Amino acid sequence: MRRSGAQGEDSKGFTALAMRPDTVSLAGHSDHMQIPDLLQMLSTGDRAGTIHVRGPSVGRIFIRQGRIINAETSGQRGQKAFYRIMSWKSVRFEFEPDVLPEGLDELLSGTASSLLMEGFTHLDELGDRMSELPAPDRRVRTVASQRGNPAG
């Protein structure tokens, strides 16, 4: 496996690989191929490499021998990062084959299908709860409970 290329930091402060055009084997937009379809294709082919994604933020999904082993975005890693990336509606992606960072932790396990199904379940549950949450532009205030407070 080749070592990843030069490190760089984008405008959002996310450290990402500096892409070399000669290392990208597949690039596109989710309008043409959804990220779950891309992951299934790479999984079926037992591929290894890094998928660089740009949507509401930037992130990476790491694949080894067809298994999704880690993801990162916005300071998150593992499941939380993977599910966050899955929730993005509009994504540009680039797949860099056979390029994984040295010492990468395997924080995800299971097949691509099982991770995707779990992710879809999380997204469905979030969609069901959206009506219970305040609007994104609304200020929320919490009040400390007086229960169990001897002075209260």
C-alpha atoms as a PDB file:
ATOM      1  CA  MET A   1       0.000   0.000   0.000  1.00  0.00           C
ATOM      2  CA  ARG A   2       1.388   3.413  -0.908  1.00  0.00           C
ATOM      3  CA  ARG A   3       1.802   6.031   1.728  1.00  0.00           C
ATOM      4  CA  SER A   4      -0.572   8.985   1.496  1.00  0.00           C
ATOM      5  CA  GLY A   5       0.599  12.148  -0.252  1.00  0.00           C
ATOM      6  CA  ALA A   6       1.480  15.547   1.133  1.00  0.00           C
ATOM      7  CA  GLN A   7      -0.745  16.932   3.843  1.00  0.00           C
ATOM      8  CA  GLY A   8      -2.573  20.231   3.385  1.00  0.00           C
ATOM      9  CA  GLU A   9      -5.224  22.214   5.170  1.00  0.00           C
ATOM     10  CA  ASP A  10      -8.305  23.489   3.358  1.00  0.00           C
ATOM     11  CA  SER A  11     -10.284  26.687   3.967  1.00  0.00           C
ATOM     12  CA  LYS A  12     -12.359  24.987   6.694  1.00  0.00           C
ATOM     13  CA  GLY A  13      -9.232  23.976   8.606  1.00  0.00           C
ATOM     14  CA  PHE A  14      -9.580  20.272   7.765  1.00  0.00           C
ATOM     15  CA  THR A  15      -6.324  18.475   7.178  1.00  0.00           C
ATOM     16  CA  ALA A  16      -6.664  16.470   4.003  1.00  0.00           C
ATOM     17  CA  LEU A  17      -4.448  14.779   1.478  1.00  0.00           C
ATOM     18  CA  ALA A  18      -3.076  17.003  -1.234  1.00  0.00           C
ATOM     19  CA  MET A  19      -4.555  15.246  -4.255  1.00  0.00           C
ATOM     20  CA  ARG A  20      -2.309  14.472  -7.192  1.00  0.00           C
ATOM     21  CA  PRO A  21      -4.325  14.103 -10.422  1.00  0.00           C
ATOM     22  CA  ASP A  22      -2.373  10.966 -11.383  1.00  0.00           C
ATOM     23  CA  THR A  23      -3.542   9.103  -8.246  1.00  0.00           C
ATOM     24  CA  VAL A  24      -7.305   9.686  -8.582  1.00  0.00           C
ATOM     25  CA  SER A  25      -9.000   6.778 -10.323  1.00  0.00           C
ATOM     26  CA  LEU A  26     -12.623   7.797  -9.862  1.00  0.00           C
ATOM     27  CA  ALA A  27     -14.192  11.191  -9.273  1.00  0.00           C
ATOM     28  CA  GLY A  28     -17.739  12.432  -9.443  1.00  0.00           C
ATOM     29  CA  HIS A  29     -20.756  13.962  -7.774  1.00  0.00           C
ATOM     30  CA  SER A  30     -23.586  12.386  -5.826  1.00  0.00           C
ATOM     31  CA  ASP A  31     -25.970  13.633  -8.532  1.00  0.00           C
ATOM     32  CA  HIS A  32     -24.478  10.895 -10.721  1.00  0.00           C
ATOM     33  CA  MET A  33     -23.497   8.256  -8.151  1.00  0.00           C
ATOM     34  CA  GLN A  34     -24.628   8.238  -4.539  1.00  0.00           C
ATOM     35  CA  ILE A  35     -21.982   7.588  -1.868  1.00  0.00           C
ATOM     36  CA  PRO A  36     -23.668   4.306  -0.741  1.00  0.00           C
ATOM     37  CA  ASP A  37     -23.505   3.024  -4.349  1.00  0.00           C
ATOM     38  CA  LEU A  38     -19.833   3.988  -4.586  1.00  0.00           C
ATOM     39  CA  LEU A  39     -19.094   2.218  -1.300  1.00  0.00           C
ATOM     40  CA  GLN A  40     -20.916  -0.925  -2.426  1.00  0.00           C
ATOM     41  CA  MET A  41     -18.997  -0.954  -5.709  1.00  0.00           C
ATOM     42  CA  LEU A  42     -15.613  -0.553  -3.984  1.00  0.00           C
ATOM     43  CA  SER A  43     -16.568  -3.158  -1.391  1.00  0.00           C
ATOM     44  CA  THR A  44     -17.618  -5.715  -3.983  1.00  0.00           C
ATOM     45  CA  GLY A  45     -14.324  -5.220  -5.800  1.00  0.00           C
ATOM     46  CA  ASP A  46     -12.289  -5.697  -2.578  1.00  0.00           C
ATOM     47  CA  ARG A  47     -10.679  -2.308  -3.227  1.00  0.00           C
ATOM     48  CA  ALA A  48      -8.474  -0.301  -0.884  1.00  0.00           C
ATOM     49  CA  GLY A  49      -7.960   3.442  -0.734  1.00  0.00           C
ATOM     50  CA  THR A  50      -9.314   6.758   0.427  1.00  0.00           C
ATOM     51  CA  ILE A  51     -12.521   8.459  -0.683  1.00  0.00           C
ATOM     52  CA  HIS A  52     -12.231  12.239  -0.286  1.00  0.00           C
ATOM     53  CA  VAL A  53     -15.644  13.907   0.029  1.00  0.00           C
ATOM     54  CA  ARG A  54     -16.761  17.541  -0.083  1.00  0.00           C
ATOM     55  CA  GLY A  55     -20.280  18.454   0.933  1.00  0.00           C
ATOM     56  CA  PRO A  56     -21.400  20.724   3.779  1.00  0.00           C
ATOM     57  CA  SER A  57     -17.907  19.976   5.113  1.00  0.00           C
ATOM     58  CA  VAL A  58     -14.988  17.844   3.955  1.00  0.00           C
ATOM     59  CA  GLY A  59     -14.182  14.311   4.995  1.00  0.00           C
ATOM     60  CA  ARG A  60     -12.578  11.019   4.129  1.00  0.00           C
ATOM     61  CA  ILE A  61     -13.719   7.407   4.138  1.00  0.00           C
ATOM     62  CA  PHE A  62     -11.035   4.731   4.319  1.00  0.00           C
ATOM     63  CA  ILE A  63     -11.408   1.298   2.736  1.00  0.00           C
ATOM     64  CA  ARG A  64      -9.124  -1.733   3.084  1.00  0.00           C
ATOM     65  CA  GLN A  65      -9.799  -5.015   1.212  1.00  0.00           C
ATOM     66  CA  GLY A  66     -13.345  -3.873   0.485  1.00  0.00           C
ATOM     67  CA  ARG A  67     -14.110  -3.087   4.149  1.00  0.00           C
ATOM     68  CA  ILE A  68     -14.931   0.408   5.384  1.00  0.00           C
ATOM     69  CA  ILE A  69     -12.487   0.759   8.274  1.00  0.00           C
ATOM     70  CA  ASN A  70     -12.701   4.422   9.294  1.00  0.00           C
ATOM     71  CA  ALA A  71     -14.081   7.832   8.382  1.00  0.00           C
ATOM     72  CA  GLU A  72     -13.392  11.388   9.472  1.00  0.00           C
ATOM     73  CA  THR A  73     -15.033  14.773   9.155  1.00  0.00           C
ATOM     74  CA  SER A  74     -15.327  17.930  11.256  1.00  0.00           C
ATOM     75  CA  GLY A  75     -13.143  16.547  14.052  1.00  0.00           C
ATOM     76  CA  GLN A  76     -15.182  13.335  14.263  1.00  0.00           C
ATOM     77  CA  ARG A  77     -13.884   9.839  13.502  1.00  0.00           C
ATOM     78  CA  GLY A  78     -15.400   6.387  13.150  1.00  0.00           C
ATOM     79  CA  GLN A  79     -19.160   5.794  13.225  1.00  0.00           C
ATOM     80  CA  LYS A  80     -20.186   9.355  13.988  1.00  0.00           C
ATOM     81  CA  ALA A  81     -18.145  10.682  11.069  1.00  0.00           C
ATOM     82  CA  PHE A  82     -19.390   7.942   8.731  1.00  0.00           C
ATOM     83  CA  TYR A  83     -23.055   8.581   9.534  1.00  0.00           C
ATOM     84  CA  ARG A  84     -22.560  12.331   9.233  1.00  0.00           C
ATOM     85  CA  ILE A  85     -21.058  11.931   5.756  1.00  0.00           C
ATOM     86  CA  MET A  86     -23.944   9.612   4.805  1.00  0.00           C
ATOM     87  CA  SER A  87     -26.425  12.368   5.705  1.00  0.00           C
ATOM     88  CA  TRP A  88     -24.986  14.853   3.195  1.00  0.00           C
ATOM     89  CA  LYS A  89     -27.317  15.366   0.241  1.00  0.00           C
ATOM     90  CA  SER A  90     -24.860  16.850  -2.260  1.00  0.00           C
ATOM     91  CA  VAL A  91     -21.297  15.515  -2.311  1.00  0.00           C
ATOM     92  CA  ARG A  92     -18.284  15.665  -4.606  1.00  0.00           C
ATOM     93  CA  PHE A  93     -15.976  12.668  -4.247  1.00  0.00           C
ATOM     94  CA  GLU A  94     -12.584  11.458  -5.399  1.00  0.00           C
ATOM     95  CA  PHE A  95     -11.308   7.926  -4.850  1.00  0.00           C
ATOM     96  CA  GLU A  96      -7.569   7.519  -4.446  1.00  0.00           C
ATOM     97  CA  PRO A  97      -6.805   3.797  -4.827  1.00  0.00           C
ATOM     98  CA  ASP A  98      -4.294   2.012  -2.602  1.00  0.00           C
ATOM     99  CA  VAL A  99      -3.631   5.155  -0.532  1.00  0.00           C
ATOM    100  CA  LEU A 100      -4.229   4.950   3.222  1.00  0.00           C
ATOM    101  CA  PRO A 101      -2.540   6.946   5.995  1.00  0.00           C
ATOM    102  CA  GLU A 102       0.079   5.016   7.949  1.00  0.00           C
ATOM    103  CA  GLY A 103      -1.077   3.839  11.373  1.00  0.00           C
ATOM    104  CA  LEU A 104      -4.766   4.306  10.535  1.00  0.00           C
ATOM    105  CA  ASP A 105      -7.014   2.954  13.304  1.00  0.00           C
ATOM    106  CA  GLU A 106      -9.754   0.533  12.242  1.00  0.00           C
ATOM    107  CA  LEU A 107     -12.700   2.112  14.077  1.00  0.00           C
ATOM    108  CA  LEU A 108     -15.422   0.564  11.891  1.00  0.00           C
ATOM    109  CA  SER A 109     -16.125  -3.118  11.413  1.00  0.00           C
ATOM    110  CA  GLY A 110     -18.628  -5.160   9.507  1.00  0.00           C
ATOM    111  CA  THR A 111     -19.508  -5.298   5.853  1.00  0.00           C
ATOM    112  CA  ALA A 112     -20.232  -2.221   3.775  1.00  0.00           C
ATOM    113  CA  SER A 113     -23.851  -3.402   3.546  1.00  0.00           C
ATOM    114  CA  SER A 114     -24.234  -3.674   7.322  1.00  0.00           C
ATOM    115  CA  LEU A 115     -22.679  -0.239   7.941  1.00  0.00           C
ATOM    116  CA  LEU A 116     -24.873   1.329   5.262  1.00  0.00           C
ATOM    117  CA  MET A 117     -28.030  -0.315   6.630  1.00  0.00           C
ATOM    118  CA  GLU A 118     -27.188   0.920  10.145  1.00  0.00           C
ATOM    119  CA  GLY A 119     -26.560   4.396   8.726  1.00  0.00           C
ATOM    120  CA  PHE A 120     -29.910   4.414   6.909  1.00  0.00           C
ATOM    121  CA  THR A 121     -31.612   3.360  10.153  1.00  0.00           C
ATOM    122  CA  HIS A 122     -29.999   6.292  11.981  1.00  0.00           C
ATOM    123  CA  LEU A 123     -31.080   8.701   9.234  1.00  0.00           C
ATOM    124  CA  ASP A 124     -34.666   7.379   9.338  1.00  0.00           C
ATOM    125  CA  GLU A 125     -34.802   7.772  13.120  1.00  0.00           C
ATOM    126  CA  LEU A 126     -33.431  11.302  12.873  1.00  0.00           C
ATOM    127  CA  GLY A 127     -36.039  12.134  10.236  1.00  0.00           C
ATOM    128  CA  ASP A 128     -38.780  10.839  12.545  1.00  0.00           C
ATOM    129  CA  ARG A 129     -37.500  13.061  15.392  1.00  0.00           C
ATOM    130  CA  MET A 130     -37.009  16.260  13.365  1.00  0.00           C
ATOM    131  CA  SER A 131     -40.535  17.491  14.115  1.00  0.00           C
ATOM    132  CA  GLU A 132     -39.743  17.322  17.850  1.00  0.00           C
ATOM    133  CA  LEU A 133     -36.623  19.483  17.569  1.00  0.00           C
ATOM    134  CA  PRO A 134     -36.549  23.294  17.500  1.00  0.00           C
ATOM    135  CA  ALA A 135     -35.849  25.017  14.191  1.00  0.00           C
ATOM    136  CA  PRO A 136     -32.113  25.307  13.405  1.00  0.00           C
ATOM    137  CA  ASP A 137     -32.227  29.115  13.659  1.00  0.00           C
ATOM    138  CA  ARG A 138     -34.035  29.059  17.026  1.00  0.00           C
ATOM    139  CA  ARG A 139     -32.156  29.763  20.273  1.00  0.00           C
ATOM    140  CA  VAL A 140     -32.410  27.071  22.918  1.00  0.00           C
ATOM    141  CA  ARG A 141     -31.958  27.662  26.622  1.00  0.00           C
ATOM    142  CA  THR A 142     -31.492  25.013  29.268  1.00  0.00           C
ATOM    143  CA  VAL A 143     -32.572  25.407  32.865  1.00  0.00           C
ATOM    144  CA  ALA A 144     -30.796  23.608  35.694  1.00  0.00           C
ATOM    145  CA  SER A 145     -32.984  21.248  37.653  1.00  0.00           C
ATOM    146  CA  GLN A 146     -33.716  22.145  41.306  1.00  0.00           C
ATOM    147  CA  ARG A 147     -34.317  18.494  42.197  1.00  0.00           C
ATOM    148  CA  GLY A 148     -31.840  17.156  44.719  1.00  0.00           C
ATOM    149  CA  ASN A 149     -30.461  20.627  45.440  1.00  0.00           C
ATOM    150  CA  PRO A 150     -30.600  21.192  49.245  1.00  0.00           C
ATOM    151  CA  ALA A 151     -30.383  24.985  48.799  1.00  0.00           C
ATOM    152  CA  GLY A 152     -33.175  25.088  46.214  1.00  0.00           C
END
